[in-house]
Amino acid sequence: MSNLATLFWAELRREWILVFRYPLELVSRLIWNLGFALMIYYGFNAIGSGGGQALPGFQDGQLGRLLGMLVTYIAMNGLNNAVELINQETQTGTFEQAALSPPPLWVILVMRDLASYVEMILRFALVLGIATLLTGVRFHLDVPALFVILTLMYLGLEGIGLILGGGALLYKRVGTLTQFAAMLVFGLSILPLEGLPTWMKGFVDVFPFTQALVLLRRSAVSGESLAAMATQGTLPALALTSCIYLAIGLVLFARMERVARERGTLNQY
């Protein structure tokens, strides 16, 4: 456990060194996160300006869409971080060192992703504050609830990200799959989930992002407490789903890494 804590601390330090070493990249990320969310928010406002804003639930839906767009970047990173890390290590020529280091490769990936998540949570808080100032909207900011829900969501999506990362070890180019995952998250963040067709419900109901988004909207828009969600079983359901996705991701990544090592293709690109 102490070794994991040491590795996590090292990855966290690495993350912050990169953040402050490349300030333009940080500013660009903030502008991208904020600008895209505001574009969707004001775009739907314009659509509803012809009397649509008076429809029941329109304003709550707008708050939900703004929150969804702000959360989307965290979700996309959970899905894509493993693949991006492998690609970055490959480009810098240090992937073999990571693969041959004492900690298993999946441990390095998870610790680095968790360090990245800490930075993203702080950025999310900053962008959320700026968005509320610019739009005038007000959320019910239950900080513990937001943190718990976002963390559970990230762990579940990390499992999917590990599967994509394992695919990158075996098949090298999985860009289309990662783009599909990103577009799926983007679509679900702005669509009314209750209006989705029946054939999509089976997947959406057990997808960590949509489960978390529903809880986030209930917490930040409707003001529902974390205790109430836990009592109703919706929060434990998210925790269980995320644990299942993460466990599957760890198992499949380890298996695909082993196959790549056996084939001798781990360092071929």
C-alpha atoms as a PDB file:
ATOM      1  CA  MET A   1       0.000   0.000   0.000  1.00  0.00           C
ATOM      2  CA  SER A   2       2.848   2.390   0.816  1.00  0.00           C
ATOM      3  CA  ASN A   3       4.353   1.691  -2.608  1.00  0.00           C
ATOM      4  CA  LEU A   4       1.041   2.606  -4.267  1.00  0.00           C
ATOM      5  CA  ALA A   5       0.875   5.827  -2.233  1.00  0.00           C
ATOM      6  CA  THR A   6       4.445   6.684  -3.233  1.00  0.00           C
ATOM      7  CA  LEU A   7       3.694   6.010  -6.905  1.00  0.00           C
ATOM      8  CA  PHE A   8       0.497   8.071  -6.757  1.00  0.00           C
ATOM      9  CA  TRP A   9       2.347  10.965  -5.118  1.00  0.00           C
ATOM     10  CA  ALA A  10       5.048  10.815  -7.792  1.00  0.00           C
ATOM     11  CA  GLU A  11       2.431  10.852 -10.562  1.00  0.00           C
ATOM     12  CA  LEU A  12       0.590  13.720  -8.858  1.00  0.00           C
ATOM     13  CA  ARG A  13       3.803  15.759  -8.712  1.00  0.00           C
ATOM     14  CA  ARG A  14       4.454  14.937 -12.354  1.00  0.00           C
ATOM     15  CA  GLU A  15       0.940  16.115 -13.274  1.00  0.00           C
ATOM     16  CA  TRP A  16       1.363  19.472 -11.576  1.00  0.00           C
ATOM     17  CA  ILE A  17       4.831  19.998 -13.026  1.00  0.00           C
ATOM     18  CA  LEU A  18       3.323  19.564 -16.495  1.00  0.00           C
ATOM     19  CA  VAL A  19       0.409  21.875 -15.644  1.00  0.00           C
ATOM     20  CA  PHE A  20       2.641  24.766 -14.604  1.00  0.00           C
ATOM     21  CA  ARG A  21       5.339  24.104 -17.189  1.00  0.00           C
ATOM     22  CA  TYR A  22       2.835  24.541 -20.035  1.00  0.00           C
ATOM     23  CA  PRO A  23       0.510  27.360 -18.909  1.00  0.00           C
ATOM     24  CA  LEU A  24      -0.815  27.974 -22.428  1.00  0.00           C
ATOM     25  CA  GLU A  25      -2.083  24.397 -22.540  1.00  0.00           C
ATOM     26  CA  LEU A  26      -3.853  24.908 -19.195  1.00  0.00           C
ATOM     27  CA  VAL A  27      -5.502  28.132 -20.358  1.00  0.00           C
ATOM     28  CA  SER A  28      -6.533  26.445 -23.619  1.00  0.00           C
ATOM     29  CA  ARG A  29      -8.183  23.602 -21.714  1.00  0.00           C
ATOM     30  CA  LEU A  30     -10.083  26.027 -19.499  1.00  0.00           C
ATOM     31  CA  ILE A  31     -11.319  28.000 -22.505  1.00  0.00           C
ATOM     32  CA  TRP A  32     -12.310  24.802 -24.329  1.00  0.00           C
ATOM     33  CA  ASN A  33     -14.199  23.412 -21.328  1.00  0.00           C
ATOM     34  CA  LEU A  34     -16.012  26.662 -20.661  1.00  0.00           C
ATOM     35  CA  GLY A  35     -16.593  27.724 -24.256  1.00  0.00           C
ATOM     36  CA  PHE A  36     -18.104  24.442 -25.418  1.00  0.00           C
ATOM     37  CA  ALA A  37     -20.427  24.242 -22.408  1.00  0.00           C
ATOM     38  CA  LEU A  38     -21.604  27.839 -22.905  1.00  0.00           C
ATOM     39  CA  MET A  39     -22.118  27.283 -26.630  1.00  0.00           C
ATOM     40  CA  ILE A  40     -24.499  24.398 -25.927  1.00  0.00           C
ATOM     41  CA  TYR A  41     -26.243  26.294 -23.121  1.00  0.00           C
ATOM     42  CA  TYR A  42     -26.864  29.480 -25.124  1.00  0.00           C
ATOM     43  CA  GLY A  43     -27.641  27.463 -28.242  1.00  0.00           C
ATOM     44  CA  PHE A  44     -30.544  25.739 -26.517  1.00  0.00           C
ATOM     45  CA  ASN A  45     -31.565  29.088 -25.026  1.00  0.00           C
ATOM     46  CA  ALA A  46     -31.812  30.490 -28.555  1.00  0.00           C
ATOM     47  CA  ILE A  47     -33.901  27.510 -29.655  1.00  0.00           C
ATOM     48  CA  GLY A  48     -36.244  28.060 -26.751  1.00  0.00           C
ATOM     49  CA  SER A  49     -36.457  31.846 -27.142  1.00  0.00           C
ATOM     50  CA  GLY A  50     -39.609  31.580 -29.247  1.00  0.00           C
ATOM     51  CA  GLY A  51     -41.694  30.703 -26.205  1.00  0.00           C
ATOM     52  CA  GLY A  52     -39.964  27.407 -25.508  1.00  0.00           C
ATOM     53  CA  GLN A  53     -38.485  28.726 -22.265  1.00  0.00           C
ATOM     54  CA  ALA A  54     -41.961  28.783 -20.786  1.00  0.00           C
ATOM     55  CA  LEU A  55     -42.348  25.029 -21.276  1.00  0.00           C
ATOM     56  CA  PRO A  56     -42.404  22.946 -18.078  1.00  0.00           C
ATOM     57  CA  GLY A  57     -38.938  21.716 -17.183  1.00  0.00           C
ATOM     58  CA  PHE A  58     -37.102  23.845 -19.769  1.00  0.00           C
ATOM     59  CA  GLN A  59     -34.955  25.729 -17.256  1.00  0.00           C
ATOM     60  CA  ASP A  60     -34.090  22.594 -15.280  1.00  0.00           C
ATOM     61  CA  GLY A  61     -33.192  20.930 -18.555  1.00  0.00           C
ATOM     62  CA  GLN A  62     -30.894  23.823 -19.405  1.00  0.00           C
ATOM     63  CA  LEU A  63     -29.150  23.554 -16.048  1.00  0.00           C
ATOM     64  CA  GLY A  64     -28.772  19.831 -16.612  1.00  0.00           C
ATOM     65  CA  ARG A  65     -27.266  20.343 -20.069  1.00  0.00           C
ATOM     66  CA  LEU A  66     -24.777  22.932 -18.783  1.00  0.00           C
ATOM     67  CA  LEU A  67     -23.751  20.613 -15.965  1.00  0.00           C
ATOM     68  CA  GLY A  68     -23.536  17.702 -18.382  1.00  0.00           C
ATOM     69  CA  MET A  69     -21.196  19.578 -20.712  1.00  0.00           C
ATOM     70  CA  LEU A  70     -18.947  20.581 -17.834  1.00  0.00           C
ATOM     71  CA  VAL A  71     -18.765  16.955 -16.652  1.00  0.00           C
ATOM     72  CA  THR A  72     -18.184  15.606 -20.172  1.00  0.00           C
ATOM     73  CA  TYR A  73     -14.507  16.546 -20.234  1.00  0.00           C
ATOM     74  CA  ILE A  74     -13.845  14.545 -17.055  1.00  0.00           C
ATOM     75  CA  ALA A  75     -15.688  11.581 -18.559  1.00  0.00           C
ATOM     76  CA  MET A  76     -13.781  11.781 -21.857  1.00  0.00           C
ATOM     77  CA  ASN A  77     -10.477  11.779 -20.017  1.00  0.00           C
ATOM     78  CA  GLY A  78     -11.491   8.704 -18.060  1.00  0.00           C
ATOM     79  CA  LEU A  79     -12.211   6.958 -21.356  1.00  0.00           C
ATOM     80  CA  ASN A  80      -9.149   8.153 -23.273  1.00  0.00           C
ATOM     81  CA  ASN A  81      -6.368   8.570 -20.708  1.00  0.00           C
ATOM     82  CA  ALA A  82      -4.993   5.033 -20.951  1.00  0.00           C
ATOM     83  CA  VAL A  83      -4.723   5.193 -24.753  1.00  0.00           C
ATOM     84  CA  GLU A  84      -3.220   8.691 -24.636  1.00  0.00           C
ATOM     85  CA  LEU A  85      -0.681   7.644 -22.014  1.00  0.00           C
ATOM     86  CA  ILE A  86       0.464   4.689 -24.122  1.00  0.00           C
ATOM     87  CA  ASN A  87       0.715   6.929 -27.203  1.00  0.00           C
ATOM     88  CA  GLN A  88       2.660   9.598 -25.305  1.00  0.00           C
ATOM     89  CA  GLU A  89       5.077   7.084 -23.803  1.00  0.00           C
ATOM     90  CA  THR A  90       5.559   5.602 -27.267  1.00  0.00           C
ATOM     91  CA  GLN A  91       6.318   8.982 -28.837  1.00  0.00           C
ATOM     92  CA  THR A  92       8.823   9.895 -26.115  1.00  0.00           C
ATOM     93  CA  GLY A  93      10.454   6.458 -26.295  1.00  0.00           C
ATOM     94  CA  THR A  94       9.851   5.601 -22.643  1.00  0.00           C
ATOM     95  CA  PHE A  95       7.090   3.029 -23.015  1.00  0.00           C
ATOM     96  CA  GLU A  96       9.480   0.072 -22.716  1.00  0.00           C
ATOM     97  CA  GLN A  97      10.795   1.485 -19.429  1.00  0.00           C
ATOM     98  CA  ALA A  98       7.248   1.711 -18.065  1.00  0.00           C
ATOM     99  CA  ALA A  99       6.453  -1.818 -19.249  1.00  0.00           C
ATOM    100  CA  LEU A 100       9.611  -3.217 -17.614  1.00  0.00           C
ATOM    101  CA  SER A 101       9.326  -1.287 -14.337  1.00  0.00           C
ATOM    102  CA  PRO A 102       8.607  -3.188 -11.074  1.00  0.00           C
ATOM    103  CA  PRO A 103       4.945  -2.022 -10.780  1.00  0.00           C
ATOM    104  CA  PRO A 104       2.602  -3.724 -13.276  1.00  0.00           C
ATOM    105  CA  LEU A 105       1.739  -1.579 -16.266  1.00  0.00           C
ATOM    106  CA  TRP A 106      -1.919  -1.329 -15.242  1.00  0.00           C
ATOM    107  CA  VAL A 107      -0.886   0.077 -11.845  1.00  0.00           C
ATOM    108  CA  ILE A 108       1.122   2.822 -13.534  1.00  0.00           C
ATOM    109  CA  LEU A 109      -1.805   3.644 -15.822  1.00  0.00           C
ATOM    110  CA  VAL A 110      -4.328   3.787 -12.979  1.00  0.00           C
ATOM    111  CA  MET A 111      -2.101   5.872 -10.680  1.00  0.00           C
ATOM    112  CA  ARG A 112      -1.380   8.353 -13.473  1.00  0.00           C
ATOM    113  CA  ASP A 113      -5.069   8.574 -14.369  1.00  0.00           C
ATOM    114  CA  LEU A 114      -6.023   9.197 -10.742  1.00  0.00           C
ATOM    115  CA  ALA A 115      -3.407  11.948 -10.526  1.00  0.00           C
ATOM    116  CA  SER A 116      -4.874  13.469 -13.683  1.00  0.00           C
ATOM    117  CA  TYR A 117      -8.327  13.201 -12.123  1.00  0.00           C
ATOM    118  CA  VAL A 118      -7.271  15.336  -9.142  1.00  0.00           C
ATOM    119  CA  GLU A 119      -6.171  18.097 -11.516  1.00  0.00           C
ATOM    120  CA  MET A 120      -9.409  17.792 -13.511  1.00  0.00           C
ATOM    121  CA  ILE A 121     -11.578  18.073 -10.382  1.00  0.00           C
ATOM    122  CA  LEU A 122      -9.924  21.368  -9.457  1.00  0.00           C
ATOM    123  CA  ARG A 123     -10.293  22.618 -13.032  1.00  0.00           C
ATOM    124  CA  PHE A 124     -13.945  21.514 -13.024  1.00  0.00           C
ATOM    125  CA  ALA A 125     -14.582  23.563  -9.864  1.00  0.00           C
ATOM    126  CA  LEU A 126     -12.968  26.640 -11.452  1.00  0.00           C
ATOM    127  CA  VAL A 127     -14.884  26.309 -14.731  1.00  0.00           C
ATOM    128  CA  LEU A 128     -18.154  25.665 -12.889  1.00  0.00           C
ATOM    129  CA  GLY A 129     -17.641  28.851 -10.858  1.00  0.00           C
ATOM    130  CA  ILE A 130     -16.925  30.916 -13.998  1.00  0.00           C
ATOM    131  CA  ALA A 131     -19.928  29.399 -15.803  1.00  0.00           C
ATOM    132  CA  THR A 132     -22.300  30.322 -12.980  1.00  0.00           C
ATOM    133  CA  LEU A 133     -20.993  33.901 -12.979  1.00  0.00           C
ATOM    134  CA  LEU A 134     -21.388  34.301 -16.749  1.00  0.00           C
ATOM    135  CA  THR A 135     -24.800  32.657 -17.084  1.00  0.00           C
ATOM    136  CA  GLY A 136     -26.343  33.703 -13.784  1.00  0.00           C
ATOM    137  CA  VAL A 137     -27.513  30.144 -13.113  1.00  0.00           C
ATOM    138  CA  ARG A 138     -27.354  28.772  -9.610  1.00  0.00           C
ATOM    139  CA  PHE A 139     -26.697  25.172  -8.716  1.00  0.00           C
ATOM    140  CA  HIS A 140     -27.214  23.468  -5.366  1.00  0.00           C
ATOM    141  CA  LEU A 141     -23.514  22.964  -4.677  1.00  0.00           C
ATOM    142  CA  ASP A 142     -23.254  19.954  -2.400  1.00  0.00           C
ATOM    143  CA  VAL A 143     -19.475  19.536  -2.653  1.00  0.00           C
ATOM    144  CA  PRO A 144     -19.230  16.083  -1.002  1.00  0.00           C
ATOM    145  CA  ALA A 145     -22.021  14.761  -3.246  1.00  0.00           C
ATOM    146  CA  LEU A 146     -20.388  16.143  -6.399  1.00  0.00           C
ATOM    147  CA  PHE A 147     -17.027  14.674  -5.439  1.00  0.00           C
ATOM    148  CA  VAL A 148     -18.397  11.225  -4.580  1.00  0.00           C
ATOM    149  CA  ILE A 149     -20.530  10.967  -7.736  1.00  0.00           C
ATOM    150  CA  LEU A 150     -17.779  12.241 -10.043  1.00  0.00           C
ATOM    151  CA  THR A 151     -15.216   9.891  -8.491  1.00  0.00           C
ATOM    152  CA  LEU A 152     -17.463   6.847  -8.871  1.00  0.00           C
ATOM    153  CA  MET A 153     -18.201   7.832 -12.464  1.00  0.00           C
ATOM    154  CA  TYR A 154     -14.506   8.267 -13.236  1.00  0.00           C
ATOM    155  CA  LEU A 155     -13.591   4.854 -11.813  1.00  0.00           C
ATOM    156  CA  GLY A 156     -16.235   3.177 -13.972  1.00  0.00           C
ATOM    157  CA  LEU A 157     -15.084   4.971 -17.120  1.00  0.00           C
ATOM    158  CA  GLU A 158     -11.497   4.160 -16.197  1.00  0.00           C
ATOM    159  CA  GLY A 159     -12.452   0.507 -16.642  1.00  0.00           C
ATOM    160  CA  ILE A 160     -13.613   1.193 -20.203  1.00  0.00           C
ATOM    161  CA  GLY A 161     -10.468   3.248 -20.771  1.00  0.00           C
ATOM    162  CA  LEU A 162      -8.309   0.297 -19.713  1.00  0.00           C
ATOM    163  CA  ILE A 163     -10.091  -1.912 -22.243  1.00  0.00           C
ATOM    164  CA  LEU A 164      -9.332   0.652 -24.958  1.00  0.00           C
ATOM    165  CA  GLY A 165      -5.746   0.870 -23.699  1.00  0.00           C
ATOM    166  CA  GLY A 166      -5.392  -2.904 -23.910  1.00  0.00           C
ATOM    167  CA  GLY A 167      -6.718  -2.709 -27.442  1.00  0.00           C
ATOM    168  CA  ALA A 168      -4.019  -0.147 -28.228  1.00  0.00           C
ATOM    169  CA  LEU A 169      -1.362  -2.596 -27.001  1.00  0.00           C
ATOM    170  CA  LEU A 170      -2.638  -5.313 -29.320  1.00  0.00           C
ATOM    171  CA  TYR A 171      -3.950  -3.415 -32.338  1.00  0.00           C
ATOM    172  CA  LYS A 172      -2.002  -0.148 -31.969  1.00  0.00           C
ATOM    173  CA  ARG A 173      -4.557   2.120 -33.655  1.00  0.00           C
ATOM    174  CA  VAL A 174      -7.866   2.416 -31.820  1.00  0.00           C
ATOM    175  CA  GLY A 175      -8.549   6.079 -32.554  1.00  0.00           C
ATOM    176  CA  THR A 176     -11.968   5.362 -34.059  1.00  0.00           C
ATOM    177  CA  LEU A 177     -13.089   3.537 -30.922  1.00  0.00           C
ATOM    178  CA  THR A 178     -11.973   6.379 -28.651  1.00  0.00           C
ATOM    179  CA  GLN A 179     -13.722   8.922 -30.876  1.00  0.00           C
ATOM    180  CA  PHE A 180     -16.892   6.840 -30.767  1.00  0.00           C
ATOM    181  CA  ALA A 181     -16.719   6.719 -26.963  1.00  0.00           C
ATOM    182  CA  ALA A 182     -16.230  10.502 -26.817  1.00  0.00           C
ATOM    183  CA  MET A 183     -19.184  11.167 -29.127  1.00  0.00           C
ATOM    184  CA  LEU A 184     -21.359   8.803 -27.094  1.00  0.00           C
ATOM    185  CA  VAL A 185     -20.592  10.726 -23.910  1.00  0.00           C
ATOM    186  CA  PHE A 186     -21.170  14.071 -25.638  1.00  0.00           C
ATOM    187  CA  GLY A 187     -24.555  12.965 -26.980  1.00  0.00           C
ATOM    188  CA  LEU A 188     -25.736  11.616 -23.651  1.00  0.00           C
ATOM    189  CA  SER A 189     -24.675  14.821 -21.876  1.00  0.00           C
ATOM    190  CA  ILE A 190     -27.121  17.026 -23.817  1.00  0.00           C
ATOM    191  CA  LEU A 191     -29.970  14.654 -24.677  1.00  0.00           C
ATOM    192  CA  PRO A 192     -32.988  14.230 -22.380  1.00  0.00           C
ATOM    193  CA  LEU A 193     -32.260  10.735 -21.069  1.00  0.00           C
ATOM    194  CA  GLU A 194     -35.916  10.036 -20.350  1.00  0.00           C
ATOM    195  CA  GLY A 195     -36.711  10.544 -24.030  1.00  0.00           C
ATOM    196  CA  LEU A 196     -34.260   7.977 -25.393  1.00  0.00           C
ATOM    197  CA  PRO A 197     -35.723   5.067 -27.384  1.00  0.00           C
ATOM    198  CA  THR A 198     -36.438   1.822 -25.579  1.00  0.00           C
ATOM    199  CA  TRP A 199     -33.722  -0.139 -27.390  1.00  0.00           C
ATOM    200  CA  MET A 200     -31.081   2.180 -25.908  1.00  0.00           C
ATOM    201  CA  LYS A 201     -32.371   2.026 -22.351  1.00  0.00           C
ATOM    202  CA  GLY A 202     -30.736  -1.285 -21.501  1.00  0.00           C
ATOM    203  CA  PHE A 203     -27.280   0.137 -22.178  1.00  0.00           C
ATOM    204  CA  VAL A 204     -27.857   3.651 -20.878  1.00  0.00           C
ATOM    205  CA  ASP A 205     -29.210   2.419 -17.541  1.00  0.00           C
ATOM    206  CA  VAL A 206     -25.977   0.540 -16.775  1.00  0.00           C
ATOM    207  CA  PHE A 207     -23.492   3.059 -18.208  1.00  0.00           C
ATOM    208  CA  PRO A 208     -21.560   4.852 -15.410  1.00  0.00           C
ATOM    209  CA  PHE A 209     -21.663   8.230 -17.153  1.00  0.00           C
ATOM    210  CA  THR A 210     -25.442   8.346 -17.498  1.00  0.00           C
ATOM    211  CA  GLN A 211     -26.009   6.938 -14.019  1.00  0.00           C
ATOM    212  CA  ALA A 212     -23.714   9.620 -12.592  1.00  0.00           C
ATOM    213  CA  LEU A 213     -25.246  12.364 -14.738  1.00  0.00           C
ATOM    214  CA  VAL A 214     -28.728  11.565 -13.449  1.00  0.00           C
ATOM    215  CA  LEU A 215     -27.460  11.751  -9.855  1.00  0.00           C
ATOM    216  CA  LEU A 216     -25.527  14.959 -10.512  1.00  0.00           C
ATOM    217  CA  ARG A 217     -28.622  16.610 -11.945  1.00  0.00           C
ATOM    218  CA  ARG A 218     -30.674  15.467  -8.989  1.00  0.00           C
ATOM    219  CA  SER A 219     -28.075  16.852  -6.598  1.00  0.00           C
ATOM    220  CA  ALA A 220     -27.037  20.100  -8.309  1.00  0.00           C
ATOM    221  CA  VAL A 221     -30.346  21.011  -9.984  1.00  0.00           C
ATOM    222  CA  SER A 222     -32.994  19.533  -7.693  1.00  0.00           C
ATOM    223  CA  GLY A 223     -31.031  19.778  -4.436  1.00  0.00           C
ATOM    224  CA  GLU A 224     -31.365  16.108  -3.482  1.00  0.00           C
ATOM    225  CA  SER A 225     -28.962  15.034  -0.760  1.00  0.00           C
ATOM    226  CA  LEU A 226     -26.315  12.322  -0.960  1.00  0.00           C
ATOM    227  CA  ALA A 227     -27.973  10.511   1.936  1.00  0.00           C
ATOM    228  CA  ALA A 228     -31.297  10.408   0.088  1.00  0.00           C
ATOM    229  CA  MET A 229     -29.662   8.952  -3.023  1.00  0.00           C
ATOM    230  CA  ALA A 230     -27.898   6.351  -0.895  1.00  0.00           C
ATOM    231  CA  THR A 231     -31.142   5.391   0.834  1.00  0.00           C
ATOM    232  CA  GLN A 232     -32.999   5.071  -2.475  1.00  0.00           C
ATOM    233  CA  GLY A 233     -30.303   2.752  -3.809  1.00  0.00           C
ATOM    234  CA  THR A 234     -29.296   4.887  -6.796  1.00  0.00           C
ATOM    235  CA  LEU A 235     -25.877   5.795  -5.379  1.00  0.00           C
ATOM    236  CA  PRO A 236     -25.033   2.175  -4.434  1.00  0.00           C
ATOM    237  CA  ALA A 237     -26.132   1.158  -7.938  1.00  0.00           C
ATOM    238  CA  LEU A 238     -23.611   3.587  -9.440  1.00  0.00           C
ATOM    239  CA  ALA A 239     -20.898   2.302  -7.086  1.00  0.00           C
ATOM    240  CA  LEU A 240     -21.633  -1.314  -8.027  1.00  0.00           C
ATOM    241  CA  THR A 241     -21.704  -0.555 -11.766  1.00  0.00           C
ATOM    242  CA  SER A 242     -18.420   1.353 -11.604  1.00  0.00           C
ATOM    243  CA  CYS A 243     -16.735  -1.452  -9.635  1.00  0.00           C
ATOM    244  CA  ILE A 244     -17.880  -3.999 -12.240  1.00  0.00           C
ATOM    245  CA  TYR A 245     -16.637  -1.881 -15.154  1.00  0.00           C
ATOM    246  CA  LEU A 246     -13.312  -1.230 -13.402  1.00  0.00           C
ATOM    247  CA  ALA A 247     -12.809  -4.912 -12.550  1.00  0.00           C
ATOM    248  CA  ILE A 248     -13.585  -5.982 -16.131  1.00  0.00           C
ATOM    249  CA  GLY A 249     -11.215  -3.332 -17.453  1.00  0.00           C
ATOM    250  CA  LEU A 250      -8.365  -4.451 -15.187  1.00  0.00           C
ATOM    251  CA  VAL A 251      -8.821  -8.114 -16.106  1.00  0.00           C
ATOM    252  CA  LEU A 252      -9.046  -7.499 -19.854  1.00  0.00           C
ATOM    253  CA  PHE A 253      -6.125  -5.051 -19.876  1.00  0.00           C
ATOM    254  CA  ALA A 254      -3.898  -7.528 -18.016  1.00  0.00           C
ATOM    255  CA  ARG A 255      -4.893 -10.280 -20.443  1.00  0.00           C
ATOM    256  CA  MET A 256      -4.272  -8.160 -23.548  1.00  0.00           C
ATOM    257  CA  GLU A 257      -0.935  -6.993 -22.172  1.00  0.00           C
ATOM    258  CA  ARG A 258       0.067 -10.625 -21.587  1.00  0.00           C
ATOM    259  CA  VAL A 259      -0.925 -11.569 -25.136  1.00  0.00           C
ATOM    260  CA  ALA A 260       1.074  -8.634 -26.539  1.00  0.00           C
ATOM    261  CA  ARG A 261       4.131  -9.719 -24.531  1.00  0.00           C
ATOM    262  CA  GLU A 262       3.773 -13.326 -25.698  1.00  0.00           C
ATOM    263  CA  ARG A 263       3.541 -12.215 -29.324  1.00  0.00           C
ATOM    264  CA  GLY A 264       6.519  -9.950 -28.896  1.00  0.00           C
ATOM    265  CA  THR A 265       4.561  -6.976 -30.225  1.00  0.00           C
ATOM    266  CA  LEU A 266       4.499  -4.845 -27.089  1.00  0.00           C
ATOM    267  CA  ASN A 267       7.225  -2.543 -28.431  1.00  0.00           C
ATOM    268  CA  GLN A 268       6.102  -2.576 -32.061  1.00  0.00           C
ATOM    269  CA  TYR A 269       4.107   0.395 -33.273  1.00  0.00           C
END
